[in-house]
Amino acid sequence: MITIDFVPRDTGPGSNLDFLDRERYWINNSEAVCLYRCDFDHMHYRKLHYNDLGIRFPQPLENAVEKRQAEFLTGRYAARQAIYRSGFMPGPVPEIPIGEHRNPVWPVGTRGSITHSHSTAICAITRDSGGGDRFIGIEAYLSGPLADQVSGLICQAEEHSLLVSRGLRENIAATLIFSAKETCSRHFIPLSAATSDLNAPK
């Protein structure tokens, strides 16, 4: 495992890209995996940052709030950086377009997963060797009222009870179940749109 910290050029205070911060990537050569993490501050985001980073602004986000635009941009930036840093494909890193089910369409020869929270985006990339996909997820713990609402929508009673019986607080149990089921849903979306029901996986 190789861990590298770095601050890319022209992203310091006063630059056009000062909404990005704390960029870091890890490479595991034995597993052929590269993980790229980037923090962002959506309060400093501007739409022109898409041009600054060489990423095409997606038309479906035209009417989205700026926070969502910033999340998407940082996620795609992390993905392109992960592919570039990994060395898994020669030449320039191509665009990563939005697929039919809003999933990233990865360049030939690679597979990946993008996740983000309110201030962090992470991408994991690996070679497409015909094996199983790798999925990652990052979630802030749900608050009490929201945890109760989410639990009632997507948690089966035995799932929630099992985690609580192991000593987890109820809101943490709800958060873990939500994150796990969302990951399952993202895995099966390319195969069947019916799996968008988060209550389906157990």
N, C-alpha and C. Protein backbone atom coordinates (compact mmCIF):
# COMPACT_ATOMS: atom_id res chain seq x y z
N MET A 1 0.84 -1.19 0.00
CA MET A 1 0.00 0.00 0.00
C MET A 1 0.88 1.24 0.00
N ILE A 2 0.56 2.19 -0.88
CA ILE A 2 1.27 3.46 -0.93
C ILE A 2 0.29 4.56 -0.58
N THR A 3 0.65 5.43 0.35
CA THR A 3 -0.18 6.56 0.71
C THR A 3 0.56 7.84 0.36
N ILE A 4 -0.11 8.73 -0.35
CA ILE A 4 0.53 9.97 -0.78
C ILE A 4 -0.40 11.14 -0.47
N ASP A 5 0.12 12.14 0.22
CA ASP A 5 -0.60 13.39 0.45
C ASP A 5 -0.03 14.44 -0.50
N PHE A 6 -0.89 15.30 -1.02
CA PHE A 6 -0.36 16.36 -1.87
C PHE A 6 -1.36 17.50 -1.95
N VAL A 7 -0.86 18.67 -2.28
CA VAL A 7 -1.70 19.84 -2.55
C VAL A 7 -1.48 20.22 -4.00
N PRO A 8 -2.49 20.05 -4.85
CA PRO A 8 -2.31 20.35 -6.27
C PRO A 8 -2.08 21.84 -6.49
N ARG A 9 -1.46 22.18 -7.58
CA ARG A 9 -1.16 23.57 -7.86
C ARG A 9 -2.44 24.37 -8.12
N ASP A 10 -2.36 25.66 -7.80
CA ASP A 10 -3.44 26.60 -8.08
C ASP A 10 -4.73 26.27 -7.37
N THR A 11 -4.69 25.61 -6.21
CA THR A 11 -5.90 25.37 -5.45
C THR A 11 -5.79 25.96 -4.05
N GLY A 12 -4.79 26.82 -3.83
CA GLY A 12 -4.64 27.43 -2.53
C GLY A 12 -5.54 28.64 -2.36
N PRO A 13 -5.47 29.32 -1.20
CA PRO A 13 -6.30 30.50 -0.96
C PRO A 13 -6.10 31.56 -2.04
N GLY A 14 -7.23 32.10 -2.51
CA GLY A 14 -7.16 33.15 -3.52
C GLY A 14 -7.16 32.63 -4.94
N SER A 15 -7.04 31.33 -5.14
CA SER A 15 -7.06 30.79 -6.50
C SER A 15 -8.49 30.56 -6.94
N ASN A 16 -8.65 30.22 -8.23
CA ASN A 16 -9.99 29.96 -8.75
C ASN A 16 -10.58 28.66 -8.21
N LEU A 17 -9.71 27.81 -7.62
CA LEU A 17 -10.17 26.51 -7.16
C LEU A 17 -10.04 26.37 -5.64
N ASP A 18 -10.25 27.47 -4.92
CA ASP A 18 -10.07 27.39 -3.49
C ASP A 18 -11.23 26.68 -2.78
N PHE A 19 -12.19 26.15 -3.55
CA PHE A 19 -13.25 25.36 -2.91
C PHE A 19 -12.80 23.91 -2.70
N LEU A 20 -11.63 23.53 -3.27
CA LEU A 20 -11.08 22.19 -3.06
C LEU A 20 -10.03 22.23 -1.96
N ASP A 21 -9.94 21.13 -1.22
CA ASP A 21 -9.00 21.10 -0.10
C ASP A 21 -8.68 19.65 0.26
N ARG A 22 -7.55 19.46 0.93
CA ARG A 22 -7.15 18.18 1.54
C ARG A 22 -7.26 17.01 0.57
N GLU A 23 -6.61 17.13 -0.57
CA GLU A 23 -6.63 16.05 -1.55
C GLU A 23 -5.60 15.00 -1.17
N ARG A 24 -6.00 13.75 -1.35
CA ARG A 24 -5.13 12.64 -0.96
C ARG A 24 -5.49 11.42 -1.79
N TYR A 25 -4.48 10.60 -2.10
CA TYR A 25 -4.83 9.35 -2.76
C TYR A 25 -3.98 8.20 -2.23
N TRP A 26 -4.55 7.02 -2.33
CA TRP A 26 -3.90 5.78 -1.89
C TRP A 26 -3.88 4.83 -3.08
N ILE A 27 -2.79 4.10 -3.23
CA ILE A 27 -2.69 3.07 -4.27
C ILE A 27 -2.31 1.75 -3.63
N ASN A 28 -3.08 0.72 -3.90
CA ASN A 28 -2.75 -0.63 -3.46
C ASN A 28 -2.42 -1.43 -4.71
N ASN A 29 -1.13 -1.59 -4.96
CA ASN A 29 -0.71 -2.24 -6.20
C ASN A 29 -1.10 -3.72 -6.25
N SER A 30 -1.07 -4.39 -5.11
CA SER A 30 -1.38 -5.82 -5.11
C SER A 30 -2.85 -6.07 -5.44
N GLU A 31 -3.72 -5.13 -5.05
CA GLU A 31 -5.16 -5.28 -5.34
C GLU A 31 -5.58 -4.47 -6.57
N ALA A 32 -4.65 -3.72 -7.15
CA ALA A 32 -4.94 -2.87 -8.31
C ALA A 32 -6.10 -1.94 -8.03
N VAL A 33 -5.99 -1.22 -6.91
CA VAL A 33 -7.03 -0.28 -6.49
C VAL A 33 -6.39 1.07 -6.19
N CYS A 34 -7.04 2.14 -6.65
CA CYS A 34 -6.63 3.49 -6.30
C CYS A 34 -7.82 4.21 -5.69
N LEU A 35 -7.60 4.84 -4.54
CA LEU A 35 -8.64 5.57 -3.84
C LEU A 35 -8.23 7.04 -3.78
N TYR A 36 -9.12 7.91 -4.22
CA TYR A 36 -8.82 9.35 -4.24
C TYR A 36 -9.88 10.08 -3.42
N ARG A 37 -9.41 10.93 -2.50
CA ARG A 37 -10.31 11.66 -1.61
C ARG A 37 -10.05 13.15 -1.75
N CYS A 38 -11.14 13.94 -1.75
CA CYS A 38 -11.02 15.38 -1.89
C CYS A 38 -12.13 16.05 -1.08
N ASP A 39 -11.75 17.00 -0.23
CA ASP A 39 -12.74 17.80 0.49
C ASP A 39 -13.12 19.01 -0.35
N PHE A 40 -14.32 19.52 -0.14
CA PHE A 40 -14.75 20.70 -0.88
C PHE A 40 -15.67 21.55 -0.01
N ASP A 41 -15.70 22.81 -0.33
CA ASP A 41 -16.56 23.78 0.36
C ASP A 41 -17.52 24.36 -0.66
N HIS A 42 -18.76 23.92 -0.62
CA HIS A 42 -19.70 24.34 -1.66
C HIS A 42 -20.00 25.83 -1.60
N MET A 43 -19.69 26.47 -0.48
CA MET A 43 -19.92 27.92 -0.37
C MET A 43 -18.96 28.70 -1.29
N HIS A 44 -17.84 28.08 -1.66
CA HIS A 44 -16.88 28.73 -2.56
C HIS A 44 -17.00 28.22 -3.99
N TYR A 45 -17.98 27.35 -4.24
CA TYR A 45 -18.15 26.79 -5.58
C TYR A 45 -18.73 27.83 -6.53
N ARG A 46 -18.24 27.81 -7.78
CA ARG A 46 -18.81 28.59 -8.86
C ARG A 46 -18.91 27.68 -10.09
N LYS A 47 -19.89 27.93 -10.91
CA LYS A 47 -20.11 27.08 -12.08
C LYS A 47 -18.91 27.06 -13.01
N LEU A 48 -18.17 28.16 -13.05
CA LEU A 48 -16.99 28.22 -13.92
C LEU A 48 -15.91 27.22 -13.52
N HIS A 49 -16.02 26.65 -12.30
CA HIS A 49 -15.05 25.66 -11.88
C HIS A 49 -15.07 24.42 -12.77
N TYR A 50 -16.20 24.14 -13.41
CA TYR A 50 -16.25 23.01 -14.36
C TYR A 50 -15.22 23.24 -15.48
N ASN A 51 -15.20 24.46 -16.02
CA ASN A 51 -14.21 24.76 -17.06
C ASN A 51 -12.80 24.72 -16.50
N ASP A 52 -12.62 25.25 -15.29
CA ASP A 52 -11.29 25.26 -14.68
C ASP A 52 -10.72 23.85 -14.54
N LEU A 53 -11.60 22.88 -14.26
CA LEU A 53 -11.15 21.50 -14.04
C LEU A 53 -11.26 20.65 -15.30
N GLY A 54 -11.72 21.23 -16.40
CA GLY A 54 -11.81 20.49 -17.65
C GLY A 54 -12.89 19.43 -17.65
N ILE A 55 -13.97 19.69 -16.92
CA ILE A 55 -15.08 18.74 -16.84
C ILE A 55 -16.33 19.39 -17.41
N ARG A 56 -17.00 18.70 -18.31
CA ARG A 56 -18.18 19.24 -18.96
C ARG A 56 -19.35 19.33 -17.97
N PHE A 57 -20.00 20.49 -17.95
CA PHE A 57 -21.15 20.65 -17.06
C PHE A 57 -22.32 19.84 -17.61
N PRO A 58 -22.92 18.94 -16.79
CA PRO A 58 -24.00 18.08 -17.29
C PRO A 58 -25.33 18.81 -17.35
N GLN A 59 -26.00 18.72 -18.48
CA GLN A 59 -27.27 19.41 -18.68
C GLN A 59 -28.31 19.05 -17.62
N PRO A 60 -28.40 17.78 -17.15
CA PRO A 60 -29.41 17.46 -16.13
C PRO A 60 -29.25 18.25 -14.83
N LEU A 61 -28.08 18.84 -14.59
CA LEU A 61 -27.86 19.60 -13.36
C LEU A 61 -28.08 21.10 -13.54
N GLU A 62 -28.58 21.49 -14.71
CA GLU A 62 -28.73 22.92 -15.01
C GLU A 62 -29.58 23.63 -13.95
N ASN A 63 -30.62 22.98 -13.48
CA ASN A 63 -31.51 23.60 -12.50
C ASN A 63 -31.28 23.11 -11.07
N ALA A 64 -30.21 22.36 -10.87
CA ALA A 64 -29.91 21.86 -9.53
C ALA A 64 -29.33 22.97 -8.67
N VAL A 65 -29.46 22.83 -7.36
CA VAL A 65 -28.88 23.81 -6.45
C VAL A 65 -27.35 23.72 -6.55
N GLU A 66 -26.68 24.79 -6.16
CA GLU A 66 -25.22 24.84 -6.30
C GLU A 66 -24.52 23.75 -5.50
N LYS A 67 -25.07 23.38 -4.35
CA LYS A 67 -24.45 22.33 -3.54
C LYS A 67 -24.39 21.02 -4.32
N ARG A 68 -25.48 20.69 -5.02
CA ARG A 68 -25.50 19.45 -5.82
C ARG A 68 -24.53 19.55 -6.98
N GLN A 69 -24.44 20.71 -7.61
CA GLN A 69 -23.49 20.90 -8.70
C GLN A 69 -22.06 20.72 -8.20
N ALA A 70 -21.79 21.26 -7.01
CA ALA A 70 -20.44 21.14 -6.43
C ALA A 70 -20.13 19.69 -6.09
N GLU A 71 -21.10 18.95 -5.56
CA GLU A 71 -20.90 17.53 -5.24
C GLU A 71 -20.55 16.74 -6.50
N PHE A 72 -21.32 16.97 -7.55
CA PHE A 72 -21.09 16.23 -8.80
C PHE A 72 -19.72 16.56 -9.36
N LEU A 73 -19.37 17.84 -9.40
CA LEU A 73 -18.08 18.25 -9.94
C LEU A 73 -16.93 17.62 -9.15
N THR A 74 -17.00 17.68 -7.83
CA THR A 74 -15.92 17.14 -7.02
C THR A 74 -15.83 15.63 -7.16
N GLY A 75 -16.97 14.95 -7.27
CA GLY A 75 -16.96 13.51 -7.48
C GLY A 75 -16.32 13.12 -8.80
N ARG A 76 -16.68 13.84 -9.87
CA ARG A 76 -16.09 13.53 -11.18
C ARG A 76 -14.60 13.91 -11.21
N TYR A 77 -14.24 14.98 -10.54
CA TYR A 77 -12.84 15.36 -10.44
C TYR A 77 -12.05 14.27 -9.72
N ALA A 78 -12.58 13.79 -8.60
CA ALA A 78 -11.92 12.71 -7.86
C ALA A 78 -11.78 11.46 -8.72
N ALA A 79 -12.81 11.17 -9.52
CA ALA A 79 -12.77 9.99 -10.38
C ALA A 79 -11.68 10.11 -11.44
N ARG A 80 -11.60 11.26 -12.07
CA ARG A 80 -10.58 11.43 -13.11
C ARG A 80 -9.18 11.42 -12.51
N GLN A 81 -9.05 12.01 -11.32
CA GLN A 81 -7.75 11.98 -10.66
C GLN A 81 -7.37 10.55 -10.26
N ALA A 82 -8.34 9.78 -9.79
CA ALA A 82 -8.06 8.39 -9.40
C ALA A 82 -7.58 7.58 -10.60
N ILE A 83 -8.25 7.75 -11.75
CA ILE A 83 -7.84 7.03 -12.95
C ILE A 83 -6.44 7.46 -13.38
N TYR A 84 -6.20 8.76 -13.35
CA TYR A 84 -4.90 9.28 -13.77
C TYR A 84 -3.79 8.80 -12.84
N ARG A 85 -4.01 8.92 -11.53
CA ARG A 85 -2.97 8.55 -10.56
C ARG A 85 -2.71 7.04 -10.55
N SER A 86 -3.75 6.26 -10.86
CA SER A 86 -3.61 4.80 -10.81
C SER A 86 -2.70 4.28 -11.91
N GLY A 87 -2.70 4.97 -13.07
CA GLY A 87 -1.93 4.48 -14.21
C GLY A 87 -2.56 3.28 -14.89
N PHE A 88 -3.88 3.05 -14.63
CA PHE A 88 -4.55 1.88 -15.19
C PHE A 88 -4.82 2.02 -16.68
N MET A 89 -4.81 3.23 -17.21
CA MET A 89 -5.05 3.39 -18.64
C MET A 89 -4.10 4.44 -19.19
N PRO A 90 -3.57 4.22 -20.38
CA PRO A 90 -2.63 5.15 -20.98
C PRO A 90 -3.35 6.37 -21.56
N GLY A 91 -2.61 7.44 -21.74
CA GLY A 91 -3.15 8.61 -22.40
C GLY A 91 -4.04 9.45 -21.52
N PRO A 92 -4.67 10.47 -22.11
CA PRO A 92 -5.53 11.37 -21.36
C PRO A 92 -6.74 10.63 -20.78
N VAL A 93 -7.19 11.08 -19.63
CA VAL A 93 -8.38 10.48 -19.01
C VAL A 93 -9.63 11.04 -19.69
N PRO A 94 -10.48 10.18 -20.22
CA PRO A 94 -11.67 10.66 -20.94
C PRO A 94 -12.76 11.14 -19.98
N GLU A 95 -13.81 11.69 -20.56
CA GLU A 95 -14.98 12.08 -19.79
C GLU A 95 -15.60 10.84 -19.13
N ILE A 96 -16.28 11.06 -18.02
CA ILE A 96 -17.03 9.99 -17.36
C ILE A 96 -18.49 10.41 -17.40
N PRO A 97 -19.21 10.05 -18.45
CA PRO A 97 -20.59 10.54 -18.63
C PRO A 97 -21.58 9.90 -17.66
N ILE A 98 -22.78 10.45 -17.66
CA ILE A 98 -23.87 9.92 -16.84
C ILE A 98 -24.60 8.85 -17.63
N GLY A 99 -24.79 7.67 -17.02
CA GLY A 99 -25.45 6.57 -17.69
C GLY A 99 -26.97 6.68 -17.64
N GLU A 100 -27.61 5.68 -18.19
CA GLU A 100 -29.07 5.66 -18.30
C GLU A 100 -29.74 5.78 -16.94
N HIS A 101 -29.14 5.17 -15.92
CA HIS A 101 -29.72 5.21 -14.58
C HIS A 101 -28.94 6.13 -13.65
N ARG A 102 -28.33 7.18 -14.22
CA ARG A 102 -27.57 8.19 -13.50
C ARG A 102 -26.28 7.64 -12.89
N ASN A 103 -25.87 6.47 -13.34
CA ASN A 103 -24.63 5.88 -12.87
C ASN A 103 -23.46 6.35 -13.74
N PRO A 104 -22.24 6.46 -13.17
CA PRO A 104 -21.09 6.83 -13.99
C PRO A 104 -20.79 5.75 -15.03
N VAL A 105 -20.45 6.16 -16.23
CA VAL A 105 -20.04 5.24 -17.28
C VAL A 105 -18.51 5.27 -17.33
N TRP A 106 -17.89 4.21 -16.83
CA TRP A 106 -16.44 4.20 -16.67
C TRP A 106 -15.72 3.91 -17.98
N PRO A 107 -14.54 4.48 -18.15
CA PRO A 107 -13.76 4.20 -19.36
C PRO A 107 -13.47 2.71 -19.50
N VAL A 108 -13.36 2.26 -20.72
CA VAL A 108 -13.06 0.85 -20.99
C VAL A 108 -11.77 0.45 -20.27
N GLY A 109 -11.84 -0.68 -19.58
CA GLY A 109 -10.68 -1.17 -18.86
C GLY A 109 -10.65 -0.81 -17.39
N THR A 110 -11.65 -0.03 -16.94
CA THR A 110 -11.70 0.37 -15.54
C THR A 110 -13.10 0.16 -14.98
N ARG A 111 -13.16 0.04 -13.66
CA ARG A 111 -14.42 0.05 -12.92
C ARG A 111 -14.22 0.95 -11.71
N GLY A 112 -15.29 1.56 -11.26
CA GLY A 112 -15.11 2.45 -10.12
C GLY A 112 -16.39 2.70 -9.36
N SER A 113 -16.25 3.50 -8.33
CA SER A 113 -17.38 3.90 -7.49
C SER A 113 -17.09 5.28 -6.94
N ILE A 114 -18.10 6.15 -6.96
CA ILE A 114 -17.99 7.50 -6.44
C ILE A 114 -18.98 7.68 -5.30
N THR A 115 -18.54 8.33 -4.24
CA THR A 115 -19.44 8.66 -3.14
C THR A 115 -19.07 10.04 -2.61
N HIS A 116 -20.03 10.70 -1.99
CA HIS A 116 -19.73 12.00 -1.38
C HIS A 116 -20.68 12.27 -0.23
N SER A 117 -20.19 13.06 0.71
CA SER A 117 -21.01 13.57 1.80
C SER A 117 -21.17 15.07 1.56
N HIS A 118 -21.53 15.80 2.60
CA HIS A 118 -21.75 17.23 2.42
C HIS A 118 -20.46 18.00 2.13
N SER A 119 -19.29 17.40 2.42
CA SER A 119 -18.04 18.14 2.21
C SER A 119 -16.87 17.29 1.73
N THR A 120 -17.10 16.02 1.41
CA THR A 120 -16.04 15.12 0.99
C THR A 120 -16.50 14.27 -0.18
N ALA A 121 -15.64 14.11 -1.17
CA ALA A 121 -15.91 13.20 -2.28
C ALA A 121 -14.78 12.17 -2.34
N ILE A 122 -15.15 10.92 -2.60
CA ILE A 122 -14.18 9.83 -2.68
C ILE A 122 -14.49 8.99 -3.92
N CYS A 123 -13.45 8.59 -4.62
CA CYS A 123 -13.61 7.65 -5.73
C CYS A 123 -12.64 6.49 -5.56
N ALA A 124 -13.14 5.29 -5.76
CA ALA A 124 -12.29 4.10 -5.81
C ALA A 124 -12.30 3.58 -7.24
N ILE A 125 -11.12 3.31 -7.79
CA ILE A 125 -11.02 2.84 -9.17
C ILE A 125 -10.17 1.57 -9.19
N THR A 126 -10.54 0.65 -10.06
CA THR A 126 -9.78 -0.59 -10.22
C THR A 126 -9.80 -0.99 -11.68
N ARG A 127 -8.96 -1.95 -12.03
CA ARG A 127 -8.98 -2.47 -13.39
C ARG A 127 -10.24 -3.31 -13.60
N ASP A 128 -10.76 -3.27 -14.82
CA ASP A 128 -11.89 -4.13 -15.16
C ASP A 128 -11.34 -5.47 -15.64
N SER A 129 -11.24 -6.39 -14.69
CA SER A 129 -10.67 -7.70 -15.00
C SER A 129 -11.74 -8.78 -15.09
N GLY A 130 -13.00 -8.36 -15.15
CA GLY A 130 -14.08 -9.33 -15.26
C GLY A 130 -14.59 -9.85 -13.93
N GLY A 131 -14.01 -9.36 -12.83
CA GLY A 131 -14.47 -9.79 -11.51
C GLY A 131 -15.62 -8.93 -11.02
N GLY A 132 -15.89 -8.99 -9.73
CA GLY A 132 -17.00 -8.23 -9.16
C GLY A 132 -16.66 -6.76 -9.03
N ASP A 133 -17.69 -5.95 -8.98
CA ASP A 133 -17.52 -4.52 -8.80
C ASP A 133 -17.15 -4.21 -7.35
N ARG A 134 -16.57 -3.03 -7.14
CA ARG A 134 -16.25 -2.53 -5.81
C ARG A 134 -17.07 -1.27 -5.59
N PHE A 135 -17.72 -1.18 -4.46
CA PHE A 135 -18.55 -0.02 -4.17
C PHE A 135 -18.17 0.56 -2.82
N ILE A 136 -18.19 1.88 -2.74
CA ILE A 136 -17.87 2.56 -1.49
C ILE A 136 -19.01 3.51 -1.16
N GLY A 137 -19.09 3.90 0.10
CA GLY A 137 -20.12 4.84 0.52
C GLY A 137 -19.65 5.61 1.74
N ILE A 138 -20.04 6.87 1.82
CA ILE A 138 -19.74 7.69 2.98
C ILE A 138 -21.03 8.41 3.38
N GLU A 139 -21.36 8.32 4.64
CA GLU A 139 -22.59 8.92 5.14
C GLU A 139 -22.34 9.59 6.48
N ALA A 140 -22.95 10.75 6.69
CA ALA A 140 -22.98 11.34 8.02
C ALA A 140 -24.08 10.62 8.82
N TYR A 141 -23.86 10.43 10.11
CA TYR A 141 -24.86 9.76 10.92
C TYR A 141 -26.18 10.54 10.87
N LEU A 142 -27.26 9.82 10.67
CA LEU A 142 -28.58 10.44 10.64
C LEU A 142 -28.95 10.93 12.03
N SER A 143 -29.64 12.07 12.07
CA SER A 143 -30.11 12.58 13.34
C SER A 143 -31.30 11.76 13.83
N GLY A 144 -31.69 11.94 15.09
CA GLY A 144 -32.77 11.15 15.67
C GLY A 144 -34.06 11.15 14.86
N PRO A 145 -34.69 12.31 14.61
CA PRO A 145 -35.95 12.34 13.85
C PRO A 145 -35.80 11.78 12.44
N LEU A 146 -34.71 12.15 11.76
CA LEU A 146 -34.50 11.66 10.39
C LEU A 146 -34.22 10.16 10.40
N ALA A 147 -33.47 9.71 11.40
CA ALA A 147 -33.18 8.27 11.52
C ALA A 147 -34.47 7.48 11.69
N ASP A 148 -35.38 8.00 12.49
CA ASP A 148 -36.67 7.32 12.69
C ASP A 148 -37.44 7.25 11.38
N GLN A 149 -37.43 8.33 10.62
CA GLN A 149 -38.16 8.36 9.35
C GLN A 149 -37.56 7.38 8.35
N VAL A 150 -36.24 7.42 8.22
CA VAL A 150 -35.56 6.52 7.29
C VAL A 150 -35.75 5.07 7.70
N SER A 151 -35.64 4.80 9.00
CA SER A 151 -35.80 3.44 9.50
C SER A 151 -37.17 2.88 9.15
N GLY A 152 -38.19 3.71 9.28
CA GLY A 152 -39.54 3.25 8.95
C GLY A 152 -39.74 2.97 7.48
N LEU A 153 -38.92 3.61 6.63
CA LEU A 153 -39.07 3.46 5.18
C LEU A 153 -38.27 2.29 4.62
N ILE A 154 -37.07 2.08 5.12
CA ILE A 154 -36.17 1.13 4.44
C ILE A 154 -35.65 0.00 5.33
N CYS A 155 -35.86 0.09 6.63
CA CYS A 155 -35.34 -0.95 7.53
C CYS A 155 -36.41 -1.97 7.85
N GLN A 156 -36.04 -3.25 7.75
CA GLN A 156 -36.93 -4.29 8.25
C GLN A 156 -36.64 -4.48 9.74
N ALA A 157 -37.68 -4.82 10.47
CA ALA A 157 -37.59 -4.83 11.93
C ALA A 157 -36.43 -5.68 12.43
N GLU A 158 -36.24 -6.86 11.83
CA GLU A 158 -35.19 -7.76 12.31
C GLU A 158 -33.80 -7.20 12.03
N GLU A 159 -33.64 -6.44 10.94
CA GLU A 159 -32.35 -5.84 10.63
C GLU A 159 -31.97 -4.80 11.69
N HIS A 160 -32.90 -3.92 11.96
CA HIS A 160 -32.64 -2.85 12.92
C HIS A 160 -32.41 -3.43 14.31
N SER A 161 -33.23 -4.40 14.69
CA SER A 161 -33.11 -5.01 16.02
C SER A 161 -31.77 -5.71 16.19
N LEU A 162 -31.29 -6.35 15.11
CA LEU A 162 -30.02 -7.07 15.18
C LEU A 162 -28.87 -6.12 15.50
N LEU A 163 -28.82 -4.99 14.81
CA LEU A 163 -27.73 -4.04 15.03
C LEU A 163 -27.83 -3.37 16.40
N VAL A 164 -29.04 -3.04 16.81
CA VAL A 164 -29.22 -2.42 18.12
C VAL A 164 -28.84 -3.40 19.23
N SER A 165 -29.15 -4.68 19.01
CA SER A 165 -28.80 -5.69 20.03
C SER A 165 -27.30 -5.87 20.16
N ARG A 166 -26.55 -5.43 19.13
CA ARG A 166 -25.08 -5.51 19.18
C ARG A 166 -24.46 -4.27 19.81
N GLY A 167 -25.30 -3.37 20.32
CA GLY A 167 -24.81 -2.21 21.04
C GLY A 167 -24.77 -0.91 20.26
N LEU A 168 -25.25 -0.91 19.01
CA LEU A 168 -25.27 0.33 18.24
C LEU A 168 -26.46 1.19 18.63
N ARG A 169 -26.26 2.50 18.65
CA ARG A 169 -27.38 3.40 18.88
C ARG A 169 -28.34 3.32 17.70
N GLU A 170 -29.59 3.62 17.94
CA GLU A 170 -30.62 3.43 16.91
C GLU A 170 -30.34 4.26 15.66
N ASN A 171 -29.87 5.50 15.84
CA ASN A 171 -29.61 6.33 14.65
C ASN A 171 -28.41 5.81 13.85
N ILE A 172 -27.41 5.25 14.53
CA ILE A 172 -26.26 4.68 13.83
C ILE A 172 -26.67 3.41 13.09
N ALA A 173 -27.51 2.60 13.72
CA ALA A 173 -28.01 1.39 13.06
C ALA A 173 -28.78 1.76 11.79
N ALA A 174 -29.64 2.78 11.87
CA ALA A 174 -30.40 3.20 10.70
C ALA A 174 -29.49 3.72 9.60
N THR A 175 -28.45 4.45 9.99
CA THR A 175 -27.50 4.98 9.01
C THR A 175 -26.77 3.85 8.29
N LEU A 176 -26.30 2.85 9.03
CA LEU A 176 -25.57 1.74 8.42
C LEU A 176 -26.47 0.95 7.46
N ILE A 177 -27.70 0.72 7.87
CA ILE A 177 -28.63 -0.03 7.01
C ILE A 177 -28.91 0.75 5.73
N PHE A 178 -29.15 2.05 5.89
CA PHE A 178 -29.40 2.89 4.72
C PHE A 178 -28.21 2.87 3.76
N SER A 179 -26.99 3.04 4.30
CA SER A 179 -25.80 3.07 3.47
C SER A 179 -25.59 1.74 2.75
N ALA A 180 -25.79 0.63 3.47
CA ALA A 180 -25.61 -0.69 2.87
C ALA A 180 -26.62 -0.93 1.76
N LYS A 181 -27.87 -0.54 1.98
CA LYS A 181 -28.90 -0.79 0.97
C LYS A 181 -28.75 0.13 -0.22
N GLU A 182 -28.30 1.36 0.02
CA GLU A 182 -28.05 2.25 -1.10
C GLU A 182 -26.92 1.70 -1.97
N THR A 183 -25.89 1.14 -1.33
CA THR A 183 -24.79 0.54 -2.08
C THR A 183 -25.28 -0.64 -2.91
N CYS A 184 -26.13 -1.47 -2.31
CA CYS A 184 -26.72 -2.60 -3.06
C CYS A 184 -27.52 -2.09 -4.25
N SER A 185 -28.29 -1.04 -4.03
CA SER A 185 -29.10 -0.49 -5.10
C SER A 185 -28.23 0.02 -6.25
N ARG A 186 -27.14 0.71 -5.91
CA ARG A 186 -26.23 1.20 -6.96
C ARG A 186 -25.60 0.04 -7.72
N HIS A 187 -25.35 -1.07 -7.03
CA HIS A 187 -24.74 -2.22 -7.67
C HIS A 187 -25.68 -2.83 -8.71
N PHE A 188 -26.98 -2.90 -8.39
CA PHE A 188 -27.90 -3.61 -9.27
C PHE A 188 -28.62 -2.70 -10.25
N ILE A 189 -28.49 -1.38 -10.11
CA ILE A 189 -29.19 -0.47 -11.01
C ILE A 189 -28.89 -0.76 -12.48
N PRO A 190 -27.62 -0.99 -12.87
CA PRO A 190 -27.37 -1.28 -14.28
C PRO A 190 -28.04 -2.56 -14.76
N LEU A 191 -28.38 -3.46 -13.82
CA LEU A 191 -28.98 -4.72 -14.20
C LEU A 191 -30.50 -4.66 -14.21
N SER A 192 -31.06 -3.92 -13.26
CA SER A 192 -32.51 -3.84 -13.17
C SER A 192 -32.91 -2.59 -12.42
N ALA A 193 -33.69 -1.73 -13.07
CA ALA A 193 -34.13 -0.50 -12.42
C ALA A 193 -35.06 -0.80 -11.26
N ALA A 194 -35.60 -2.01 -11.19
CA ALA A 194 -36.53 -2.36 -10.11
C ALA A 194 -35.86 -2.35 -8.75
N THR A 195 -34.54 -2.43 -8.70
CA THR A 195 -33.84 -2.49 -7.42
C THR A 195 -33.71 -1.14 -6.77
N SER A 196 -34.34 -0.09 -7.33
CA SER A 196 -34.31 1.21 -6.69
C SER A 196 -35.10 1.22 -5.40
N ASP A 197 -35.86 0.15 -5.12
CA ASP A 197 -36.56 0.01 -3.85
C ASP A 197 -35.55 -0.41 -2.77
N LEU A 198 -35.23 0.52 -1.87
CA LEU A 198 -34.21 0.23 -0.87
C LEU A 198 -34.67 -0.75 0.19
N ASN A 199 -35.96 -1.10 0.18
CA ASN A 199 -36.47 -2.07 1.14
C ASN A 199 -36.26 -3.50 0.63
N ALA A 200 -35.86 -3.62 -0.65
CA ALA A 200 -35.72 -4.95 -1.24
C ALA A 200 -34.52 -5.72 -0.70
N PRO A 201 -33.33 -5.11 -0.66
CA PRO A 201 -32.18 -5.88 -0.15
C PRO A 201 -32.31 -6.17 1.33
N LYS A 202 -31.76 -7.30 1.78
CA LYS A 202 -31.76 -7.62 3.21
C LYS A 202 -30.34 -7.83 3.65
